[in-house]
Amino acid sequence: MLLLAVSLHAQECTSRVPFHIVSGLILLDGQLNGKPAVLLLDTGANNSVVDYRAAGFDGLKLDALRSTGSAGAEGACRVREVKLSPEHRPLLGRRVCVMDLGDVSRRMGTRIDGFVGQDLLTEFATLRIDYRAKTITLVD
């Protein structure tokens, strides 16, 4: 559950989003087009990416996202508008890259429905990761 706390400072809104760690990766429970989704926090990604099946675009024919051998990856992408949010924080009508992330889930050994990248993260003044509490604090 998303815990929403409003600061006493003028117009500052703080959200705490719980996360869990799998193989060293920070995973957020969230929503993708109104359905539960597991979102990987990817501070190194310029753009957010979602799996075409998890987003309900089953008719798209896309190549699987492939590792480039370094820290990067490549694959066919279609830009689509989706409703994406970590937990219950509304981030509606986001244009994101829709890809086949099936191989990513298999390689990581856990379900990954999307990556939350810098295009969403830069909307916040502060992003603080508390590993002990397993929460991410987002300050508008």
C-alpha atoms as a PDB file:
ATOM      1  CA  MET A   1       0.000   0.000   0.000  1.00  0.00           C
ATOM      2  CA  LEU A   2       1.170   3.505  -0.778  1.00  0.00           C
ATOM      3  CA  LEU A   3       1.476   5.637   2.312  1.00  0.00           C
ATOM      4  CA  LEU A   4       0.800   9.264   1.430  1.00  0.00           C
ATOM      5  CA  ALA A   5       2.010  11.874   3.888  1.00  0.00           C
ATOM      6  CA  VAL A   6       1.552  15.576   3.290  1.00  0.00           C
ATOM      7  CA  SER A   7       4.313  17.774   4.678  1.00  0.00           C
ATOM      8  CA  LEU A   8       3.518  20.913   6.627  1.00  0.00           C
ATOM      9  CA  HIS A   9       5.732  22.895   4.247  1.00  0.00           C
ATOM     10  CA  ALA A  10       3.871  24.941   1.642  1.00  0.00           C
ATOM     11  CA  GLN A  11       2.534  22.785  -1.196  1.00  0.00           C
ATOM     12  CA  GLU A  12       5.105  19.990  -0.658  1.00  0.00           C
ATOM     13  CA  CYS A  13       3.690  16.507  -1.102  1.00  0.00           C
ATOM     14  CA  THR A  14       5.653  13.471   0.069  1.00  0.00           C
ATOM     15  CA  SER A  15       4.842   9.893  -0.895  1.00  0.00           C
ATOM     16  CA  ARG A  16       6.433   6.771   0.529  1.00  0.00           C
ATOM     17  CA  VAL A  17       6.350   3.795  -1.782  1.00  0.00           C
ATOM     18  CA  PRO A  18       7.337   0.375  -0.400  1.00  0.00           C
ATOM     19  CA  PHE A  19       9.636  -1.855  -2.432  1.00  0.00           C
ATOM     20  CA  HIS A  20      11.083  -5.337  -2.334  1.00  0.00           C
ATOM     21  CA  ILE A  21      14.459  -6.534  -3.567  1.00  0.00           C
ATOM     22  CA  VAL A  22      15.017  -9.488  -5.888  1.00  0.00           C
ATOM     23  CA  SER A  23      18.571 -10.282  -7.002  1.00  0.00           C
ATOM     24  CA  GLY A  24      19.669  -6.790  -5.960  1.00  0.00           C
ATOM     25  CA  LEU A  25      16.937  -5.087  -8.007  1.00  0.00           C
ATOM     26  CA  ILE A  26      14.443  -2.644  -6.509  1.00  0.00           C
ATOM     27  CA  LEU A  27      10.916  -3.714  -7.471  1.00  0.00           C
ATOM     28  CA  LEU A  28       7.799  -1.635  -6.865  1.00  0.00           C
ATOM     29  CA  ASP A  29       4.282  -3.000  -6.833  1.00  0.00           C
ATOM     30  CA  GLY A  30       2.092  -0.772  -8.939  1.00  0.00           C
ATOM     31  CA  GLN A  31      -0.603  -0.517 -11.552  1.00  0.00           C
ATOM     32  CA  LEU A  32      -0.422  -0.677 -15.329  1.00  0.00           C
ATOM     33  CA  ASN A  33      -3.662   0.163 -17.123  1.00  0.00           C
ATOM     34  CA  GLY A  34      -5.598  -0.659 -13.973  1.00  0.00           C
ATOM     35  CA  LYS A  35      -3.992  -4.079 -13.406  1.00  0.00           C
ATOM     36  CA  PRO A  36      -1.401  -5.052 -10.784  1.00  0.00           C
ATOM     37  CA  ALA A  37       2.160  -4.744 -12.096  1.00  0.00           C
ATOM     38  CA  VAL A  38       5.722  -5.245 -10.887  1.00  0.00           C
ATOM     39  CA  LEU A  39       7.882  -2.263 -11.862  1.00  0.00           C
ATOM     40  CA  LEU A  40      11.673  -2.214 -11.770  1.00  0.00           C
ATOM     41  CA  LEU A  41      13.178   1.058 -10.537  1.00  0.00           C
ATOM     42  CA  ASP A  42      15.792   1.815 -13.210  1.00  0.00           C
ATOM     43  CA  THR A  43      17.556   5.098 -12.470  1.00  0.00           C
ATOM     44  CA  GLY A  44      19.875   4.487 -15.434  1.00  0.00           C
ATOM     45  CA  ALA A  45      17.063   4.264 -17.993  1.00  0.00           C
ATOM     46  CA  ASN A  46      16.174   7.456 -19.832  1.00  0.00           C
ATOM     47  CA  ASN A  47      12.671   6.236 -20.618  1.00  0.00           C
ATOM     48  CA  SER A  48      10.112   4.096 -18.872  1.00  0.00           C
ATOM     49  CA  VAL A  49       9.308   0.807 -20.594  1.00  0.00           C
ATOM     50  CA  VAL A  50       6.380  -1.571 -20.129  1.00  0.00           C
ATOM     51  CA  ASP A  51       5.725  -5.096 -21.366  1.00  0.00           C
ATOM     52  CA  TYR A  52       3.213  -5.185 -24.210  1.00  0.00           C
ATOM     53  CA  ARG A  53       1.260  -8.091 -22.705  1.00  0.00           C
ATOM     54  CA  ALA A  54       1.056  -6.512 -19.232  1.00  0.00           C
ATOM     55  CA  ALA A  55      -0.195  -3.277 -20.843  1.00  0.00           C
ATOM     56  CA  GLY A  56      -2.889  -5.157 -22.806  1.00  0.00           C
ATOM     57  CA  PHE A  57      -1.366  -4.727 -26.284  1.00  0.00           C
ATOM     58  CA  ASP A  58      -1.320  -8.439 -27.102  1.00  0.00           C
ATOM     59  CA  GLY A  59      -1.724  -7.769 -30.844  1.00  0.00           C
ATOM     60  CA  LEU A  60       1.649  -6.027 -31.176  1.00  0.00           C
ATOM     61  CA  LYS A  61       4.416  -8.108 -32.700  1.00  0.00           C
ATOM     62  CA  LEU A  62       7.702  -7.111 -31.098  1.00  0.00           C
ATOM     63  CA  ASP A  63      11.153  -8.638 -30.748  1.00  0.00           C
ATOM     64  CA  ALA A  64      12.229  -9.411 -27.193  1.00  0.00           C
ATOM     65  CA  LEU A  65      14.404  -6.879 -25.384  1.00  0.00           C
ATOM     66  CA  ARG A  66      17.992  -8.142 -25.709  1.00  0.00           C
ATOM     67  CA  SER A  67      21.094  -7.437 -23.664  1.00  0.00           C
ATOM     68  CA  THR A  68      23.827  -5.608 -25.600  1.00  0.00           C
ATOM     69  CA  GLY A  69      26.518  -7.290 -23.515  1.00  0.00           C
ATOM     70  CA  SER A  70      27.174  -4.229 -21.387  1.00  0.00           C
ATOM     71  CA  ALA A  71      24.705  -2.451 -19.101  1.00  0.00           C
ATOM     72  CA  GLY A  72      22.396  -1.629 -22.006  1.00  0.00           C
ATOM     73  CA  ALA A  73      19.663  -3.391 -23.920  1.00  0.00           C
ATOM     74  CA  GLU A  74      17.953  -3.063 -27.280  1.00  0.00           C
ATOM     75  CA  GLY A  75      14.783  -4.224 -28.980  1.00  0.00           C
ATOM     76  CA  ALA A  76      11.768  -3.147 -30.998  1.00  0.00           C
ATOM     77  CA  CYS A  77       9.680  -0.467 -29.304  1.00  0.00           C
ATOM     78  CA  ARG A  78       6.306   1.132 -29.929  1.00  0.00           C
ATOM     79  CA  VAL A  79       5.353   4.288 -28.067  1.00  0.00           C
ATOM     80  CA  ARG A  80       1.900   4.025 -26.542  1.00  0.00           C
ATOM     81  CA  GLU A  81      -0.056   5.852 -23.880  1.00  0.00           C
ATOM     82  CA  VAL A  82      -0.637   3.866 -20.687  1.00  0.00           C
ATOM     83  CA  LYS A  83      -1.829   4.502 -17.156  1.00  0.00           C
ATOM     84  CA  LEU A  84       1.182   3.800 -14.975  1.00  0.00           C
ATOM     85  CA  SER A  85       1.647   4.270 -11.239  1.00  0.00           C
ATOM     86  CA  PRO A  86       3.761   2.866  -8.435  1.00  0.00           C
ATOM     87  CA  GLU A  87       1.234   1.601  -5.873  1.00  0.00           C
ATOM     88  CA  HIS A  88      -1.708   4.025  -5.829  1.00  0.00           C
ATOM     89  CA  ARG A  89       0.127   7.209  -6.827  1.00  0.00           C
ATOM     90  CA  PRO A  90      -1.562   8.465 -10.006  1.00  0.00           C
ATOM     91  CA  LEU A  91       0.735   8.993 -12.965  1.00  0.00           C
ATOM     92  CA  LEU A  92      -1.933   8.803 -15.637  1.00  0.00           C
ATOM     93  CA  GLY A  93      -1.701   9.044 -19.381  1.00  0.00           C
ATOM     94  CA  ARG A  94       2.035   8.412 -19.689  1.00  0.00           C
ATOM     95  CA  ARG A  95       3.617   7.887 -23.102  1.00  0.00           C
ATOM     96  CA  VAL A  96       6.073   5.032 -22.668  1.00  0.00           C
ATOM     97  CA  CYS A  97       7.990   2.569 -24.754  1.00  0.00           C
ATOM     98  CA  VAL A  98       6.089  -0.730 -25.093  1.00  0.00           C
ATOM     99  CA  MET A  99       8.354  -3.760 -25.592  1.00  0.00           C
ATOM    100  CA  ASP A 100       8.494  -7.510 -25.108  1.00  0.00           C
ATOM    101  CA  LEU A 101      10.000  -7.922 -21.626  1.00  0.00           C
ATOM    102  CA  GLY A 102       9.361 -11.682 -21.417  1.00  0.00           C
ATOM    103  CA  ASP A 103      13.045 -12.542 -21.714  1.00  0.00           C
ATOM    104  CA  VAL A 104      13.927  -9.969 -19.038  1.00  0.00           C
ATOM    105  CA  SER A 105      11.569 -11.684 -16.574  1.00  0.00           C
ATOM    106  CA  ARG A 106      13.022 -15.100 -17.422  1.00  0.00           C
ATOM    107  CA  ARG A 107      16.645 -13.950 -17.040  1.00  0.00           C
ATOM    108  CA  MET A 108      15.952 -12.147 -13.749  1.00  0.00           C
ATOM    109  CA  GLY A 109      13.920 -15.018 -12.348  1.00  0.00           C
ATOM    110  CA  THR A 110      10.970 -12.811 -11.408  1.00  0.00           C
ATOM    111  CA  ARG A 111       8.057 -11.116 -13.133  1.00  0.00           C
ATOM    112  CA  ILE A 112       8.926  -7.665 -14.514  1.00  0.00           C
ATOM    113  CA  ASP A 113       6.045  -5.755 -16.127  1.00  0.00           C
ATOM    114  CA  GLY A 114       7.968  -2.548 -16.696  1.00  0.00           C
ATOM    115  CA  PHE A 115      10.863  -0.239 -15.865  1.00  0.00           C
ATOM    116  CA  VAL A 116      10.358   3.135 -14.198  1.00  0.00           C
ATOM    117  CA  GLY A 117      12.940   5.416 -15.816  1.00  0.00           C
ATOM    118  CA  GLN A 118      14.127   8.987 -15.571  1.00  0.00           C
ATOM    119  CA  ASP A 119      11.231  10.376 -17.628  1.00  0.00           C
ATOM    120  CA  LEU A 120       9.014   9.707 -14.585  1.00  0.00           C
ATOM    121  CA  LEU A 121      11.586  10.100 -11.829  1.00  0.00           C
ATOM    122  CA  THR A 122      12.647  13.609 -12.863  1.00  0.00           C
ATOM    123  CA  GLU A 123       9.134  14.857 -12.073  1.00  0.00           C
ATOM    124  CA  PHE A 124      10.075  14.738  -8.396  1.00  0.00           C
ATOM    125  CA  ALA A 125      12.307  17.197  -6.554  1.00  0.00           C
ATOM    126  CA  THR A 126      13.726  14.392  -4.411  1.00  0.00           C
ATOM    127  CA  LEU A 127      13.862  10.607  -4.602  1.00  0.00           C
ATOM    128  CA  ARG A 128      15.253   8.975  -1.456  1.00  0.00           C
ATOM    129  CA  ILE A 129      15.845   5.229  -1.138  1.00  0.00           C
ATOM    130  CA  ASP A 130      15.766   3.810   2.404  1.00  0.00           C
ATOM    131  CA  TYR A 131      17.065   0.244   2.196  1.00  0.00           C
ATOM    132  CA  ARG A 132      16.401  -0.545   5.861  1.00  0.00           C
ATOM    133  CA  ALA A 133      12.761   0.567   5.723  1.00  0.00           C
ATOM    134  CA  LYS A 134      12.424  -0.709   2.127  1.00  0.00           C
ATOM    135  CA  THR A 135      10.706   2.487   1.045  1.00  0.00           C
ATOM    136  CA  ILE A 136      11.281   5.085  -1.608  1.00  0.00           C
ATOM    137  CA  THR A 137      10.301   8.627  -0.649  1.00  0.00           C
ATOM    138  CA  LEU A 138       9.170  10.874  -3.489  1.00  0.00           C
ATOM    139  CA  VAL A 139       8.921  14.607  -2.855  1.00  0.00           C
ATOM    140  CA  ASP A 140       7.074  16.785  -5.377  1.00  0.00           C
END
